[in-house]
Amino acid sequence: MQTLYSITSFEQEDLQLERLAKRVLDEKLDHVLDVFTVCVLYPLRVAEYSITDAAIRAGRYLKTAEDLNVNVRIATNPYVTKILQRPSLIEKLKKDKTDKYINEDWVKKLYQKLIKSDEYIEYIALETTTPAQDKEIIQFIWEKLMMENEDLLSVFIDDLPGWEDNRELIEMLMQNFYKNNTKVDFQKLLSLEKKEYAHDLLIAVLQKEAYCTEIIEPKLNNWDKERVALIDLILLKMGVCEFLFFPTIPTKVTINEYIDIAKQYSLPQSGQFVNGVLDNILKDLSKEQKINKEERNK
């Protein structure tokens, strides 16, 4: 959707436009992956700072008992260790140097907030920890200490390229990451199959734009055409293409997906608008027997 929005004003020959669209899409995917990697890494660096804190305190001339007993459990947290040892993350950091966006001053600030929190105090008081507890303390850093810190988010806007445009997507990726990170490959945001699908849908919308417009425009009679958001029109074209040219995607999945996207990225009434128009289009296409979907294997 963002790729189609980006190239709507470009005047190119059809083949050149298709190549440009694929390149823009791939660049956007790579950019989102960079920001996602930084966001995964931030809480881990905060956890690791306990070792730095212990070393600084141990080097003080006049040490307190607290200085000599800094708890570094969170730095040796198995959840942290496993992620940092992931080959795809190691290679990503080596190749793209994405950790350059980690602000060390903010790592320290977040650590100082962390060690004062009830969640951290309860965590280090445990005799032993479960894998769920090891993950939850890292997730706490991300969700509570970072995402609820307006000053840090302002730094992200200024210093982390792509954060402002992709924040909602990144937050969704992070939510999924904490549910299950085993399938995450830091070398590629999408699997080859999903990337091919994204390319195919992108090209379908470009090639069939005039045809899709013919189908969509009559359904806009009950809406103020001049006030229909460009994003909504793009979503409608994508929906029509999925109805007609992607037999493995159920129509219900298509409608629900684009309603959600419209709610997130467009105007307040866009979800209702996309729902109503796509539903009417689907009814007509079904009557004309133009919808041919393959049954999914159970």
C-alpha atoms as a PDB file:
ATOM      1  CA  MET A   1       0.000   0.000   0.000  1.00  0.00           C
ATOM      2  CA  GLN A   2       2.732   2.483   0.955  1.00  0.00           C
ATOM      3  CA  THR A   3       4.661   1.621  -2.214  1.00  0.00           C
ATOM      4  CA  LEU A   4       1.645   2.285  -4.439  1.00  0.00           C
ATOM      5  CA  TYR A   5       1.027   5.544  -2.576  1.00  0.00           C
ATOM      6  CA  SER A   6       4.658   6.578  -3.118  1.00  0.00           C
ATOM      7  CA  ILE A   7       4.658   6.034  -6.870  1.00  0.00           C
ATOM      8  CA  THR A   8       1.225   7.419  -7.787  1.00  0.00           C
ATOM      9  CA  SER A   9       2.713  10.721  -8.965  1.00  0.00           C
ATOM     10  CA  PHE A  10       5.475   9.136 -11.067  1.00  0.00           C
ATOM     11  CA  GLU A  11       5.115   9.339 -14.825  1.00  0.00           C
ATOM     12  CA  GLN A  12       6.879   6.338 -16.298  1.00  0.00           C
ATOM     13  CA  GLU A  13       6.366   3.799 -19.063  1.00  0.00           C
ATOM     14  CA  ASP A  14       4.492   0.730 -17.783  1.00  0.00           C
ATOM     15  CA  LEU A  15       7.524  -1.560 -17.668  1.00  0.00           C
ATOM     16  CA  GLN A  16       9.697   1.107 -16.046  1.00  0.00           C
ATOM     17  CA  LEU A  17       6.972   1.800 -13.489  1.00  0.00           C
ATOM     18  CA  GLU A  18       6.741  -1.882 -12.600  1.00  0.00           C
ATOM     19  CA  ARG A  19      10.493  -2.092 -12.099  1.00  0.00           C
ATOM     20  CA  LEU A  20      10.433   1.111 -10.055  1.00  0.00           C
ATOM     21  CA  ALA A  21       7.571  -0.209  -7.920  1.00  0.00           C
ATOM     22  CA  LYS A  22       9.423  -3.436  -7.143  1.00  0.00           C
ATOM     23  CA  ARG A  23      12.559  -1.505  -6.240  1.00  0.00           C
ATOM     24  CA  VAL A  24      10.669   0.915  -4.000  1.00  0.00           C
ATOM     25  CA  LEU A  25       8.908  -1.988  -2.282  1.00  0.00           C
ATOM     26  CA  ASP A  26      12.159  -3.855  -1.678  1.00  0.00           C
ATOM     27  CA  GLU A  27      13.812  -0.709  -0.322  1.00  0.00           C
ATOM     28  CA  LYS A  28      10.882  -0.115   2.047  1.00  0.00           C
ATOM     29  CA  LEU A  29      11.055  -3.707   3.303  1.00  0.00           C
ATOM     30  CA  ASP A  30      14.792  -3.368   3.919  1.00  0.00           C
ATOM     31  CA  HIS A  31      14.247  -0.065   5.727  1.00  0.00           C
ATOM     32  CA  VAL A  32      11.539  -1.498   7.970  1.00  0.00           C
ATOM     33  CA  LEU A  33      13.828  -4.423   8.771  1.00  0.00           C
ATOM     34  CA  ASP A  34      16.565  -1.993   9.851  1.00  0.00           C
ATOM     35  CA  VAL A  35      14.232  -0.153  12.236  1.00  0.00           C
ATOM     36  CA  PHE A  36      12.792  -3.417  13.554  1.00  0.00           C
ATOM     37  CA  THR A  37      16.299  -4.728  14.259  1.00  0.00           C
ATOM     38  CA  VAL A  38      17.169  -1.589  16.220  1.00  0.00           C
ATOM     39  CA  CYS A  39      13.983  -1.938  18.271  1.00  0.00           C
ATOM     40  CA  VAL A  40      14.719  -5.589  19.059  1.00  0.00           C
ATOM     41  CA  LEU A  41      18.257  -4.676  20.071  1.00  0.00           C
ATOM     42  CA  TYR A  42      17.464  -1.716  22.349  1.00  0.00           C
ATOM     43  CA  PRO A  43      15.985  -3.661  25.319  1.00  0.00           C
ATOM     44  CA  LEU A  44      18.801  -6.207  25.043  1.00  0.00           C
ATOM     45  CA  ARG A  45      21.408  -3.452  25.312  1.00  0.00           C
ATOM     46  CA  VAL A  46      19.574  -2.070  28.337  1.00  0.00           C
ATOM     47  CA  ALA A  47      19.761  -5.516  29.942  1.00  0.00           C
ATOM     48  CA  GLU A  48      23.459  -5.815  29.120  1.00  0.00           C
ATOM     49  CA  TYR A  49      24.159  -2.430  30.735  1.00  0.00           C
ATOM     50  CA  SER A  50      23.981  -4.127  34.143  1.00  0.00           C
ATOM     51  CA  ILE A  51      27.478  -5.499  33.430  1.00  0.00           C
ATOM     52  CA  THR A  52      28.737  -2.006  32.608  1.00  0.00           C
ATOM     53  CA  ASP A  53      27.070  -0.686  35.747  1.00  0.00           C
ATOM     54  CA  ALA A  54      28.740  -3.401  37.851  1.00  0.00           C
ATOM     55  CA  ALA A  55      32.157  -2.573  36.375  1.00  0.00           C
ATOM     56  CA  ILE A  56      31.736   1.169  36.983  1.00  0.00           C
ATOM     57  CA  ARG A  57      30.694   0.646  40.581  1.00  0.00           C
ATOM     58  CA  ALA A  58      33.479  -1.850  41.242  1.00  0.00           C
ATOM     59  CA  GLY A  59      35.983   0.749  40.049  1.00  0.00           C
ATOM     60  CA  ARG A  60      34.907   3.396  42.530  1.00  0.00           C
ATOM     61  CA  TYR A  61      37.462   4.421  45.128  1.00  0.00           C
ATOM     62  CA  LEU A  62      34.943   4.335  47.958  1.00  0.00           C
ATOM     63  CA  LYS A  63      32.681   1.383  47.346  1.00  0.00           C
ATOM     64  CA  THR A  64      29.419   0.679  49.104  1.00  0.00           C
ATOM     65  CA  ALA A  65      28.033  -2.792  49.717  1.00  0.00           C
ATOM     66  CA  GLU A  66      25.558  -2.055  46.936  1.00  0.00           C
ATOM     67  CA  ASP A  67      28.429  -1.208  44.566  1.00  0.00           C
ATOM     68  CA  LEU A  68      29.956  -4.630  45.201  1.00  0.00           C
ATOM     69  CA  ASN A  69      26.719  -6.521  44.667  1.00  0.00           C
ATOM     70  CA  VAL A  70      25.216  -5.285  41.411  1.00  0.00           C
ATOM     71  CA  ASN A  71      22.866  -7.959  40.107  1.00  0.00           C
ATOM     72  CA  VAL A  72      23.730  -8.880  36.501  1.00  0.00           C
ATOM     73  CA  ARG A  73      21.134 -11.629  36.127  1.00  0.00           C
ATOM     74  CA  ILE A  74      19.261  -9.723  33.423  1.00  0.00           C
ATOM     75  CA  ALA A  75      22.425  -9.519  31.289  1.00  0.00           C
ATOM     76  CA  THR A  76      22.881 -13.291  31.450  1.00  0.00           C
ATOM     77  CA  ASN A  77      19.174 -13.847  30.919  1.00  0.00           C
ATOM     78  CA  PRO A  78      18.883 -16.889  28.566  1.00  0.00           C
ATOM     79  CA  TYR A  79      16.288 -15.057  26.474  1.00  0.00           C
ATOM     80  CA  VAL A  80      18.753 -12.206  25.868  1.00  0.00           C
ATOM     81  CA  THR A  81      21.623 -14.575  25.176  1.00  0.00           C
ATOM     82  CA  LYS A  82      19.707 -16.666  22.644  1.00  0.00           C
ATOM     83  CA  ILE A  83      18.615 -13.640  20.637  1.00  0.00           C
ATOM     84  CA  LEU A  84      22.070 -12.055  20.604  1.00  0.00           C
ATOM     85  CA  GLN A  85      23.542 -15.370  19.437  1.00  0.00           C
ATOM     86  CA  ARG A  86      21.149 -15.689  16.503  1.00  0.00           C
ATOM     87  CA  PRO A  87      23.314 -16.011  13.354  1.00  0.00           C
ATOM     88  CA  SER A  88      20.949 -13.838  11.309  1.00  0.00           C
ATOM     89  CA  LEU A  89      21.190 -11.007  13.871  1.00  0.00           C
ATOM     90  CA  ILE A  90      24.972 -11.281  14.122  1.00  0.00           C
ATOM     91  CA  GLU A  91      25.251 -11.120  10.342  1.00  0.00           C
ATOM     92  CA  LYS A  92      22.777  -8.224  10.128  1.00  0.00           C
ATOM     93  CA  LEU A  93      24.768  -6.136  12.617  1.00  0.00           C
ATOM     94  CA  LYS A  94      28.038  -7.031  10.926  1.00  0.00           C
ATOM     95  CA  LYS A  95      26.798  -6.182   7.449  1.00  0.00           C
ATOM     96  CA  ASP A  96      24.510  -3.177   7.989  1.00  0.00           C
ATOM     97  CA  LYS A  97      25.833  -1.723  11.273  1.00  0.00           C
ATOM     98  CA  THR A  98      22.240  -1.076  12.399  1.00  0.00           C
ATOM     99  CA  ASP A  99      23.380  -0.879  16.026  1.00  0.00           C
ATOM    100  CA  LYS A 100      24.784   2.592  15.220  1.00  0.00           C
ATOM    101  CA  TYR A 101      21.255   3.886  15.940  1.00  0.00           C
ATOM    102  CA  ILE A 102      21.425   2.711  19.551  1.00  0.00           C
ATOM    103  CA  ASN A 103      21.843   5.810  21.713  1.00  0.00           C
ATOM    104  CA  GLU A 104      24.136   4.834  24.590  1.00  0.00           C
ATOM    105  CA  ASP A 105      22.972   7.720  26.779  1.00  0.00           C
ATOM    106  CA  TRP A 106      19.421   6.454  26.439  1.00  0.00           C
ATOM    107  CA  VAL A 107      20.501   2.884  27.180  1.00  0.00           C
ATOM    108  CA  LYS A 108      21.882   4.157  30.496  1.00  0.00           C
ATOM    109  CA  LYS A 109      18.754   6.229  31.234  1.00  0.00           C
ATOM    110  CA  LEU A 110      16.485   3.279  30.525  1.00  0.00           C
ATOM    111  CA  TYR A 111      18.607   1.013  32.701  1.00  0.00           C
ATOM    112  CA  GLN A 112      18.387   3.467  35.575  1.00  0.00           C
ATOM    113  CA  LYS A 113      14.607   3.527  35.229  1.00  0.00           C
ATOM    114  CA  LEU A 114      14.536  -0.245  34.969  1.00  0.00           C
ATOM    115  CA  ILE A 115      16.390  -0.967  38.218  1.00  0.00           C
ATOM    116  CA  LYS A 116      13.979   1.272  40.141  1.00  0.00           C
ATOM    117  CA  SER A 117      10.900  -0.515  38.800  1.00  0.00           C
ATOM    118  CA  ASP A 118       8.883  -3.014  40.826  1.00  0.00           C
ATOM    119  CA  GLU A 119       9.032  -5.461  37.921  1.00  0.00           C
ATOM    120  CA  TYR A 120      12.836  -5.519  37.961  1.00  0.00           C
ATOM    121  CA  ILE A 121      13.082  -5.744  41.743  1.00  0.00           C
ATOM    122  CA  GLU A 122      10.720  -8.726  41.711  1.00  0.00           C
ATOM    123  CA  TYR A 123      12.680 -10.323  38.857  1.00  0.00           C
ATOM    124  CA  ILE A 124      16.092 -10.204  40.534  1.00  0.00           C
ATOM    125  CA  ALA A 125      14.567 -11.397  43.821  1.00  0.00           C
ATOM    126  CA  LEU A 126      13.576 -14.721  42.242  1.00  0.00           C
ATOM    127  CA  GLU A 127      15.765 -17.686  43.160  1.00  0.00           C
ATOM    128  CA  THR A 128      15.356 -19.094  39.674  1.00  0.00           C
ATOM    129  CA  THR A 129      13.518 -17.805  36.630  1.00  0.00           C
ATOM    130  CA  THR A 130      11.365 -19.417  33.969  1.00  0.00           C
ATOM    131  CA  PRO A 131      11.750 -18.753  30.246  1.00  0.00           C
ATOM    132  CA  ALA A 132       8.493 -16.769  30.397  1.00  0.00           C
ATOM    133  CA  GLN A 133       9.846 -14.547  33.183  1.00  0.00           C
ATOM    134  CA  ASP A 134      13.114 -13.999  31.308  1.00  0.00           C
ATOM    135  CA  LYS A 135      11.162 -12.829  28.271  1.00  0.00           C
ATOM    136  CA  GLU A 136       8.650 -10.731  30.230  1.00  0.00           C
ATOM    137  CA  ILE A 137      11.295  -8.493  31.817  1.00  0.00           C
ATOM    138  CA  ILE A 138      12.724  -7.686  28.357  1.00  0.00           C
ATOM    139  CA  GLN A 139       9.248  -7.098  26.972  1.00  0.00           C
ATOM    140  CA  PHE A 140       8.589  -4.796  29.937  1.00  0.00           C
ATOM    141  CA  ILE A 141      11.559  -2.650  28.895  1.00  0.00           C
ATOM    142  CA  TRP A 142      10.154  -2.303  25.384  1.00  0.00           C
ATOM    143  CA  GLU A 143       6.464  -1.815  26.161  1.00  0.00           C
ATOM    144  CA  LYS A 144       6.597   0.247  29.340  1.00  0.00           C
ATOM    145  CA  LEU A 145       9.969   1.944  29.612  1.00  0.00           C
ATOM    146  CA  MET A 146      10.401   2.691  25.916  1.00  0.00           C
ATOM    147  CA  MET A 147       7.020   2.947  24.203  1.00  0.00           C
ATOM    148  CA  GLU A 148       5.535   5.007  27.019  1.00  0.00           C
ATOM    149  CA  ASN A 149       8.482   7.413  27.104  1.00  0.00           C
ATOM    150  CA  GLU A 150       7.616  10.444  24.968  1.00  0.00           C
ATOM    151  CA  ASP A 151      11.138  11.882  25.192  1.00  0.00           C
ATOM    152  CA  LEU A 152      12.644   8.698  23.784  1.00  0.00           C
ATOM    153  CA  LEU A 153      10.030   8.522  21.036  1.00  0.00           C
ATOM    154  CA  SER A 154      10.953  12.083  20.065  1.00  0.00           C
ATOM    155  CA  VAL A 155      14.570  10.934  19.751  1.00  0.00           C
ATOM    156  CA  PHE A 156      13.397   8.066  17.555  1.00  0.00           C
ATOM    157  CA  ILE A 157      11.592  10.511  15.268  1.00  0.00           C
ATOM    158  CA  ASP A 158      14.722  12.645  14.953  1.00  0.00           C
ATOM    159  CA  ASP A 159      17.445   9.982  14.863  1.00  0.00           C
ATOM    160  CA  LEU A 160      15.906   6.706  13.678  1.00  0.00           C
ATOM    161  CA  PRO A 161      15.132   7.000   9.947  1.00  0.00           C
ATOM    162  CA  GLY A 162      11.766   5.487   9.081  1.00  0.00           C
ATOM    163  CA  TRP A 163      10.409   5.294  12.628  1.00  0.00           C
ATOM    164  CA  GLU A 164       7.719   7.950  12.194  1.00  0.00           C
ATOM    165  CA  ASP A 165       6.382   6.507   8.912  1.00  0.00           C
ATOM    166  CA  ASN A 166       6.465   2.895  10.066  1.00  0.00           C
ATOM    167  CA  ARG A 167       5.768   3.112  13.796  1.00  0.00           C
ATOM    168  CA  GLU A 168       2.510   1.139  13.756  1.00  0.00           C
ATOM    169  CA  LEU A 169       4.038  -1.570  11.599  1.00  0.00           C
ATOM    170  CA  ILE A 170       7.112  -1.787  13.833  1.00  0.00           C
ATOM    171  CA  GLU A 171       4.968  -2.030  16.953  1.00  0.00           C
ATOM    172  CA  MET A 172       3.011  -4.875  15.345  1.00  0.00           C
ATOM    173  CA  LEU A 173       6.246  -6.653  14.383  1.00  0.00           C
ATOM    174  CA  MET A 174       7.559  -6.250  17.931  1.00  0.00           C
ATOM    175  CA  GLN A 175       4.322  -7.602  19.381  1.00  0.00           C
ATOM    176  CA  ASN A 176       4.606 -10.651  17.140  1.00  0.00           C
ATOM    177  CA  PHE A 177       8.287 -10.983  18.008  1.00  0.00           C
ATOM    178  CA  TYR A 178       7.538 -11.285  21.708  1.00  0.00           C
ATOM    179  CA  LYS A 179       4.851 -13.858  20.960  1.00  0.00           C
ATOM    180  CA  ASN A 180       7.219 -15.999  18.917  1.00  0.00           C
ATOM    181  CA  ASN A 181      10.688 -14.917  17.788  1.00  0.00           C
ATOM    182  CA  THR A 182      11.913 -18.300  16.570  1.00  0.00           C
ATOM    183  CA  LYS A 183      10.826 -17.667  12.984  1.00  0.00           C
ATOM    184  CA  VAL A 184      12.323 -14.177  12.717  1.00  0.00           C
ATOM    185  CA  ASP A 185      15.123 -13.870  10.188  1.00  0.00           C
ATOM    186  CA  PHE A 186      17.010 -10.597  10.584  1.00  0.00           C
ATOM    187  CA  GLN A 187      18.321 -10.945   7.041  1.00  0.00           C
ATOM    188  CA  LYS A 188      14.883 -10.636   5.448  1.00  0.00           C
ATOM    189  CA  LEU A 189      11.577  -9.265   6.660  1.00  0.00           C
ATOM    190  CA  LEU A 190       9.462 -11.527   4.447  1.00  0.00           C
ATOM    191  CA  SER A 191       9.890 -15.078   3.293  1.00  0.00           C
ATOM    192  CA  LEU A 192      10.556 -15.547  -0.419  1.00  0.00           C
ATOM    193  CA  GLU A 193       6.956 -16.709  -0.892  1.00  0.00           C
ATOM    194  CA  LYS A 194       5.477 -13.651   0.831  1.00  0.00           C
ATOM    195  CA  LYS A 195       7.819 -11.307  -0.995  1.00  0.00           C
ATOM    196  CA  GLU A 196       6.783 -12.802  -4.346  1.00  0.00           C
ATOM    197  CA  TYR A 197       3.144 -12.375  -3.361  1.00  0.00           C
ATOM    198  CA  ALA A 198       3.767  -8.707  -2.495  1.00  0.00           C
ATOM    199  CA  HIS A 199       5.457  -8.185  -5.876  1.00  0.00           C
ATOM    200  CA  ASP A 200       2.626  -9.982  -7.702  1.00  0.00           C
ATOM    201  CA  LEU A 201      -0.073  -7.919  -5.988  1.00  0.00           C
ATOM    202  CA  LEU A 202       1.829  -4.705  -6.655  1.00  0.00           C
ATOM    203  CA  ILE A 203       2.179  -5.473 -10.366  1.00  0.00           C
ATOM    204  CA  ALA A 204      -1.433  -6.651 -10.627  1.00  0.00           C
ATOM    205  CA  VAL A 205      -2.690  -3.321  -9.270  1.00  0.00           C
ATOM    206  CA  LEU A 206      -0.493  -1.405 -11.720  1.00  0.00           C
ATOM    207  CA  GLN A 207      -1.445  -3.529 -14.727  1.00  0.00           C
ATOM    208  CA  LYS A 208      -5.164  -3.713 -13.935  1.00  0.00           C
ATOM    209  CA  GLU A 209      -5.599  -0.190 -12.586  1.00  0.00           C
ATOM    210  CA  ALA A 210      -7.976   0.974 -15.333  1.00  0.00           C
ATOM    211  CA  TYR A 211     -10.089  -2.182 -15.027  1.00  0.00           C
ATOM    212  CA  CYS A 212     -10.235  -1.864 -11.238  1.00  0.00           C
ATOM    213  CA  THR A 213     -11.228   1.788 -11.530  1.00  0.00           C
ATOM    214  CA  GLU A 214     -14.143   0.807 -13.816  1.00  0.00           C
ATOM    215  CA  ILE A 215     -15.363  -1.611 -11.146  1.00  0.00           C
ATOM    216  CA  ILE A 216     -14.869   0.761  -8.223  1.00  0.00           C
ATOM    217  CA  GLU A 217     -16.194   4.089  -9.536  1.00  0.00           C
ATOM    218  CA  PRO A 218     -19.883   3.069  -9.828  1.00  0.00           C
ATOM    219  CA  LYS A 219     -19.770   2.029  -6.170  1.00  0.00           C
ATOM    220  CA  LEU A 220     -18.756   5.535  -5.113  1.00  0.00           C
ATOM    221  CA  ASN A 221     -22.139   7.066  -5.996  1.00  0.00           C
ATOM    222  CA  ASN A 222     -23.148   7.184  -2.359  1.00  0.00           C
ATOM    223  CA  TRP A 223     -19.871   8.792  -1.321  1.00  0.00           C
ATOM    224  CA  ASP A 224     -18.320  12.186  -2.012  1.00  0.00           C
ATOM    225  CA  LYS A 225     -15.765  11.186  -4.671  1.00  0.00           C
ATOM    226  CA  GLU A 226     -13.743  14.347  -4.197  1.00  0.00           C
ATOM    227  CA  ARG A 227     -13.213  13.519  -0.524  1.00  0.00           C
ATOM    228  CA  VAL A 228     -12.259   9.864  -0.938  1.00  0.00           C
ATOM    229  CA  ALA A 229      -8.710   9.491   0.382  1.00  0.00           C
ATOM    230  CA  LEU A 230      -6.064   8.313  -2.070  1.00  0.00           C
ATOM    231  CA  ILE A 231      -5.054   5.594   0.388  1.00  0.00           C
ATOM    232  CA  ASP A 232      -8.634   4.285   0.400  1.00  0.00           C
ATOM    233  CA  LEU A 233      -8.711   4.110  -3.396  1.00  0.00           C
ATOM    234  CA  ILE A 234      -5.432   2.204  -3.410  1.00  0.00           C
ATOM    235  CA  LEU A 235      -6.790  -0.240  -0.835  1.00  0.00           C
ATOM    236  CA  LEU A 236      -9.929  -0.762  -2.935  1.00  0.00           C
ATOM    237  CA  LYS A 237      -7.826  -1.548  -6.010  1.00  0.00           C
ATOM    238  CA  MET A 238      -5.731  -3.993  -4.023  1.00  0.00           C
ATOM    239  CA  GLY A 239      -8.915  -5.616  -2.711  1.00  0.00           C
ATOM    240  CA  VAL A 240     -10.418  -5.966  -6.175  1.00  0.00           C
ATOM    241  CA  CYS A 241      -7.206  -7.509  -7.477  1.00  0.00           C
ATOM    242  CA  GLU A 242      -7.197 -10.045  -4.647  1.00  0.00           C
ATOM    243  CA  PHE A 243     -10.841 -10.891  -5.390  1.00  0.00           C
ATOM    244  CA  LEU A 244     -10.182 -11.495  -9.081  1.00  0.00           C
ATOM    245  CA  PHE A 245      -6.576 -12.585  -9.539  1.00  0.00           C
ATOM    246  CA  PHE A 246      -5.485 -14.287  -6.306  1.00  0.00           C
ATOM    247  CA  PRO A 247      -7.553 -17.477  -6.023  1.00  0.00           C
ATOM    248  CA  THR A 248      -5.902 -18.693  -2.810  1.00  0.00           C
ATOM    249  CA  ILE A 249      -6.905 -15.610  -0.778  1.00  0.00           C
ATOM    250  CA  PRO A 250     -10.437 -15.976   0.694  1.00  0.00           C
ATOM    251  CA  THR A 251     -12.643 -12.956   0.050  1.00  0.00           C
ATOM    252  CA  LYS A 252     -13.431 -12.594   3.758  1.00  0.00           C
ATOM    253  CA  VAL A 253      -9.720 -12.417   4.559  1.00  0.00           C
ATOM    254  CA  THR A 254      -9.269  -9.728   1.898  1.00  0.00           C
ATOM    255  CA  ILE A 255     -12.080  -7.537   3.227  1.00  0.00           C
ATOM    256  CA  ASN A 256     -11.042  -7.861   6.879  1.00  0.00           C
ATOM    257  CA  GLU A 257      -7.396  -7.141   6.056  1.00  0.00           C
ATOM    258  CA  TYR A 258      -8.127  -3.950   4.164  1.00  0.00           C
ATOM    259  CA  ILE A 259     -10.614  -2.729   6.757  1.00  0.00           C
ATOM    260  CA  ASP A 260      -7.863  -3.042   9.374  1.00  0.00           C
ATOM    261  CA  ILE A 261      -5.310  -1.278   7.182  1.00  0.00           C
ATOM    262  CA  ALA A 262      -7.743   1.558   6.431  1.00  0.00           C
ATOM    263  CA  LYS A 263      -8.425   2.037  10.148  1.00  0.00           C
ATOM    264  CA  GLN A 264      -4.714   2.199  10.905  1.00  0.00           C
ATOM    265  CA  TYR A 265      -3.428   4.330   8.054  1.00  0.00           C
ATOM    266  CA  SER A 266      -6.308   6.414   6.701  1.00  0.00           C
ATOM    267  CA  LEU A 267      -9.203   8.571   7.899  1.00  0.00           C
ATOM    268  CA  PRO A 268     -11.512   7.773  10.861  1.00  0.00           C
ATOM    269  CA  GLN A 269     -14.371   6.714   8.571  1.00  0.00           C
ATOM    270  CA  SER A 270     -12.140   4.806   6.138  1.00  0.00           C
ATOM    271  CA  GLY A 271     -12.692   1.384   7.696  1.00  0.00           C
ATOM    272  CA  GLN A 272     -16.449   1.678   7.213  1.00  0.00           C
ATOM    273  CA  PHE A 273     -15.963   3.091   3.717  1.00  0.00           C
ATOM    274  CA  VAL A 274     -13.630   0.301   2.533  1.00  0.00           C
ATOM    275  CA  ASN A 275     -15.902  -2.324   4.091  1.00  0.00           C
ATOM    276  CA  GLY A 276     -19.018  -0.999   2.362  1.00  0.00           C
ATOM    277  CA  VAL A 277     -17.465  -0.571  -1.081  1.00  0.00           C
ATOM    278  CA  LEU A 278     -15.605  -3.893  -1.130  1.00  0.00           C
ATOM    279  CA  ASP A 279     -18.702  -5.729   0.108  1.00  0.00           C
ATOM    280  CA  ASN A 280     -20.828  -4.240  -2.707  1.00  0.00           C
ATOM    281  CA  ILE A 281     -18.169  -5.000  -5.305  1.00  0.00           C
ATOM    282  CA  LEU A 282     -17.899  -8.589  -4.078  1.00  0.00           C
ATOM    283  CA  LYS A 283     -21.668  -9.104  -4.353  1.00  0.00           C
ATOM    284  CA  ASP A 284     -21.681  -7.933  -7.979  1.00  0.00           C
ATOM    285  CA  LEU A 285     -18.601  -9.917  -8.966  1.00  0.00           C
ATOM    286  CA  SER A 286     -20.099 -13.033  -7.367  1.00  0.00           C
ATOM    287  CA  LYS A 287     -23.347 -12.577  -9.271  1.00  0.00           C
ATOM    288  CA  GLU A 288     -21.321 -12.254 -12.480  1.00  0.00           C
ATOM    289  CA  GLN A 289     -19.465 -15.448 -11.505  1.00  0.00           C
ATOM    290  CA  LYS A 290     -16.118 -13.689 -11.699  1.00  0.00           C
ATOM    291  CA  ILE A 291     -14.947 -14.885  -8.282  1.00  0.00           C
ATOM    292  CA  ASN A 292     -13.059 -18.168  -8.519  1.00  0.00           C
ATOM    293  CA  LYS A 293     -11.413 -19.183  -5.280  1.00  0.00           C
ATOM    294  CA  GLU A 294      -9.529 -22.362  -4.568  1.00  0.00           C
ATOM    295  CA  GLU A 295     -10.450 -24.359  -1.487  1.00  0.00           C
ATOM    296  CA  ARG A 296      -7.745 -24.211   1.156  1.00  0.00           C
ATOM    297  CA  ASN A 297      -6.324 -27.424   2.503  1.00  0.00           C
ATOM    298  CA  LYS A 298      -7.528 -28.016   6.035  1.00  0.00           C
END
